[in-house]
Amino acid sequence: MARNALSFRFPEEFAAMLRTWSFVTEKDQRTILQEAFTEYANNHPDTKEKVLQVINTLK
C-alpha cells in the first residue's frame, strides 16, 4: 500500500474547533486527530478488525 502524505479539507467550523483545541491543550493538531481516530477505531472493533485483516493481507 502506498504511503503518500495525506491532505484534507475540513469545514471551517471543524477547523476552528481543531485549532482552538490545539491552542487550549497545547497539543499538535495531528496528535489530536490521531488520538481521536484511535478512539473512534477502538469504539468500532468489528470494522477495525476487518481493516487490520486487509492491511495484513496486503503486506
N, C-alpha and C. Protein backbone atom coordinates (compact mmCIF):
# COMPACT_ATOMS: atom_id res chain seq x y z
N MET A 1 0.85 -1.18 0.00
CA MET A 1 0.00 0.00 0.00
C MET A 1 0.89 1.24 0.00
N ALA A 2 0.61 2.16 -0.87
CA ALA A 2 1.41 3.38 -0.96
C ALA A 2 1.24 4.23 0.30
N ARG A 3 2.31 4.86 0.70
CA ARG A 3 2.28 5.70 1.90
C ARG A 3 2.50 7.15 1.50
N ASN A 4 1.51 7.71 0.85
CA ASN A 4 1.60 9.11 0.43
C ASN A 4 1.11 10.01 1.55
N ALA A 5 1.61 11.23 1.54
CA ALA A 5 1.15 12.21 2.51
C ALA A 5 -0.34 12.46 2.31
N LEU A 6 -1.06 12.65 3.40
CA LEU A 6 -2.49 12.90 3.32
C LEU A 6 -2.78 14.38 3.45
N SER A 7 -3.81 14.80 2.77
CA SER A 7 -4.24 16.19 2.85
C SER A 7 -5.76 16.21 2.83
N PHE A 8 -6.36 16.95 3.74
CA PHE A 8 -7.81 17.01 3.83
C PHE A 8 -8.26 18.45 3.95
N ARG A 9 -9.46 18.70 3.47
CA ARG A 9 -10.11 20.00 3.68
C ARG A 9 -11.29 19.75 4.61
N PHE A 10 -11.26 20.41 5.75
CA PHE A 10 -12.34 20.28 6.72
C PHE A 10 -13.23 21.50 6.66
N PRO A 11 -14.51 21.33 7.04
CA PRO A 11 -15.38 22.50 7.14
C PRO A 11 -14.77 23.51 8.13
N GLU A 12 -14.96 24.78 7.87
CA GLU A 12 -14.34 25.83 8.68
C GLU A 12 -14.68 25.69 10.16
N GLU A 13 -15.91 25.32 10.48
CA GLU A 13 -16.30 25.17 11.89
C GLU A 13 -15.45 24.10 12.57
N PHE A 14 -15.23 22.99 11.88
CA PHE A 14 -14.40 21.92 12.43
C PHE A 14 -12.95 22.38 12.57
N ALA A 15 -12.44 23.05 11.53
CA ALA A 15 -11.06 23.52 11.56
C ALA A 15 -10.84 24.51 12.70
N ALA A 16 -11.81 25.39 12.93
CA ALA A 16 -11.71 26.35 14.04
C ALA A 16 -11.68 25.62 15.37
N MET A 17 -12.52 24.60 15.51
CA MET A 17 -12.55 23.82 16.76
C MET A 17 -11.22 23.11 16.96
N LEU A 18 -10.67 22.53 15.90
CA LEU A 18 -9.40 21.83 16.00
C LEU A 18 -8.26 22.79 16.37
N ARG A 19 -8.20 23.93 15.70
CA ARG A 19 -7.15 24.92 16.01
C ARG A 19 -7.26 25.39 17.46
N THR A 20 -8.48 25.67 17.90
CA THR A 20 -8.68 26.16 19.26
C THR A 20 -8.37 25.06 20.28
N TRP A 21 -8.77 23.84 19.98
CA TRP A 21 -8.48 22.70 20.87
C TRP A 21 -6.97 22.54 21.01
N SER A 22 -6.28 22.68 19.89
CA SER A 22 -4.83 22.59 19.90
C SER A 22 -4.22 23.69 20.77
N PHE A 23 -4.72 24.88 20.64
CA PHE A 23 -4.23 26.01 21.43
C PHE A 23 -4.47 25.80 22.92
N VAL A 24 -5.69 25.39 23.27
CA VAL A 24 -6.06 25.22 24.68
C VAL A 24 -5.28 24.08 25.32
N THR A 25 -5.12 22.98 24.60
CA THR A 25 -4.46 21.80 25.17
C THR A 25 -2.95 21.80 24.95
N GLU A 26 -2.47 22.74 24.10
CA GLU A 26 -1.06 22.79 23.73
C GLU A 26 -0.59 21.51 23.07
N LYS A 27 -1.49 20.86 22.32
CA LYS A 27 -1.16 19.64 21.57
C LYS A 27 -1.18 19.96 20.09
N ASP A 28 -0.32 19.27 19.34
CA ASP A 28 -0.28 19.41 17.90
C ASP A 28 -1.61 18.92 17.30
N GLN A 29 -2.08 19.58 16.25
CA GLN A 29 -3.35 19.19 15.62
C GLN A 29 -3.31 17.75 15.12
N ARG A 30 -2.18 17.33 14.57
CA ARG A 30 -2.06 15.94 14.09
C ARG A 30 -2.20 14.95 15.24
N THR A 31 -1.64 15.28 16.38
CA THR A 31 -1.75 14.41 17.55
C THR A 31 -3.21 14.29 17.98
N ILE A 32 -3.91 15.41 17.99
CA ILE A 32 -5.33 15.40 18.37
C ILE A 32 -6.13 14.53 17.41
N LEU A 33 -5.89 14.69 16.11
CA LEU A 33 -6.62 13.88 15.12
C LEU A 33 -6.27 12.39 15.26
N GLN A 34 -5.00 12.10 15.50
CA GLN A 34 -4.60 10.70 15.67
C GLN A 34 -5.26 10.09 16.90
N GLU A 35 -5.25 10.81 18.01
CA GLU A 35 -5.90 10.31 19.23
C GLU A 35 -7.39 10.10 19.01
N ALA A 36 -8.03 11.04 18.32
CA ALA A 36 -9.47 10.94 18.08
C ALA A 36 -9.78 9.74 17.19
N PHE A 37 -8.98 9.54 16.13
CA PHE A 37 -9.24 8.41 15.25
C PHE A 37 -8.97 7.08 15.94
N THR A 38 -7.94 7.03 16.76
CA THR A 38 -7.65 5.80 17.52
C THR A 38 -8.82 5.46 18.44
N GLU A 39 -9.36 6.46 19.11
CA GLU A 39 -10.51 6.23 19.98
C GLU A 39 -11.71 5.77 19.15
N TYR A 40 -11.94 6.40 18.01
CA TYR A 40 -13.04 6.02 17.12
C TYR A 40 -12.88 4.56 16.68
N ALA A 41 -11.67 4.18 16.26
CA ALA A 41 -11.43 2.81 15.81
C ALA A 41 -11.67 1.82 16.94
N ASN A 42 -11.24 2.16 18.13
CA ASN A 42 -11.43 1.27 19.27
C ASN A 42 -12.91 1.13 19.64
N ASN A 43 -13.71 2.13 19.30
CA ASN A 43 -15.16 2.07 19.56
C ASN A 43 -15.91 1.32 18.47
N HIS A 44 -15.22 0.92 17.41
CA HIS A 44 -15.81 0.16 16.30
C HIS A 44 -14.94 -1.06 16.03
N PRO A 45 -14.90 -2.00 16.98
CA PRO A 45 -13.95 -3.12 16.88
C PRO A 45 -14.18 -4.03 15.67
N ASP A 46 -15.43 -4.20 15.23
CA ASP A 46 -15.67 -5.06 14.07
C ASP A 46 -15.02 -4.49 12.81
N THR A 47 -15.22 -3.22 12.59
CA THR A 47 -14.62 -2.57 11.42
C THR A 47 -13.11 -2.52 11.56
N LYS A 48 -12.62 -2.23 12.76
CA LYS A 48 -11.17 -2.18 12.99
C LYS A 48 -10.54 -3.52 12.65
N GLU A 49 -11.16 -4.61 13.06
CA GLU A 49 -10.63 -5.95 12.78
C GLU A 49 -10.58 -6.22 11.28
N LYS A 50 -11.63 -5.84 10.56
CA LYS A 50 -11.66 -6.03 9.11
C LYS A 50 -10.55 -5.21 8.45
N VAL A 51 -10.36 -3.98 8.89
CA VAL A 51 -9.32 -3.12 8.33
C VAL A 51 -7.95 -3.72 8.58
N LEU A 52 -7.70 -4.20 9.80
CA LEU A 52 -6.41 -4.81 10.11
C LEU A 52 -6.17 -6.06 9.27
N GLN A 53 -7.22 -6.84 9.02
CA GLN A 53 -7.09 -8.02 8.17
C GLN A 53 -6.68 -7.62 6.76
N VAL A 54 -7.31 -6.59 6.22
CA VAL A 54 -6.97 -6.14 4.87
C VAL A 54 -5.51 -5.66 4.84
N ILE A 55 -5.11 -4.88 5.82
CA ILE A 55 -3.74 -4.37 5.86
C ILE A 55 -2.76 -5.52 5.93
N ASN A 56 -3.03 -6.50 6.77
CA ASN A 56 -2.12 -7.65 6.90
C ASN A 56 -2.07 -8.48 5.63
N THR A 57 -3.20 -8.58 4.93
CA THR A 57 -3.24 -9.33 3.68
C THR A 57 -2.41 -8.65 2.60
N LEU A 58 -2.44 -7.32 2.60
CA LEU A 58 -1.71 -6.56 1.58
C LEU A 58 -0.21 -6.47 1.83
N LYS A 59 0.23 -6.84 3.02
CA LYS A 59 1.67 -6.78 3.35
C LYS A 59 2.44 -7.86 2.63
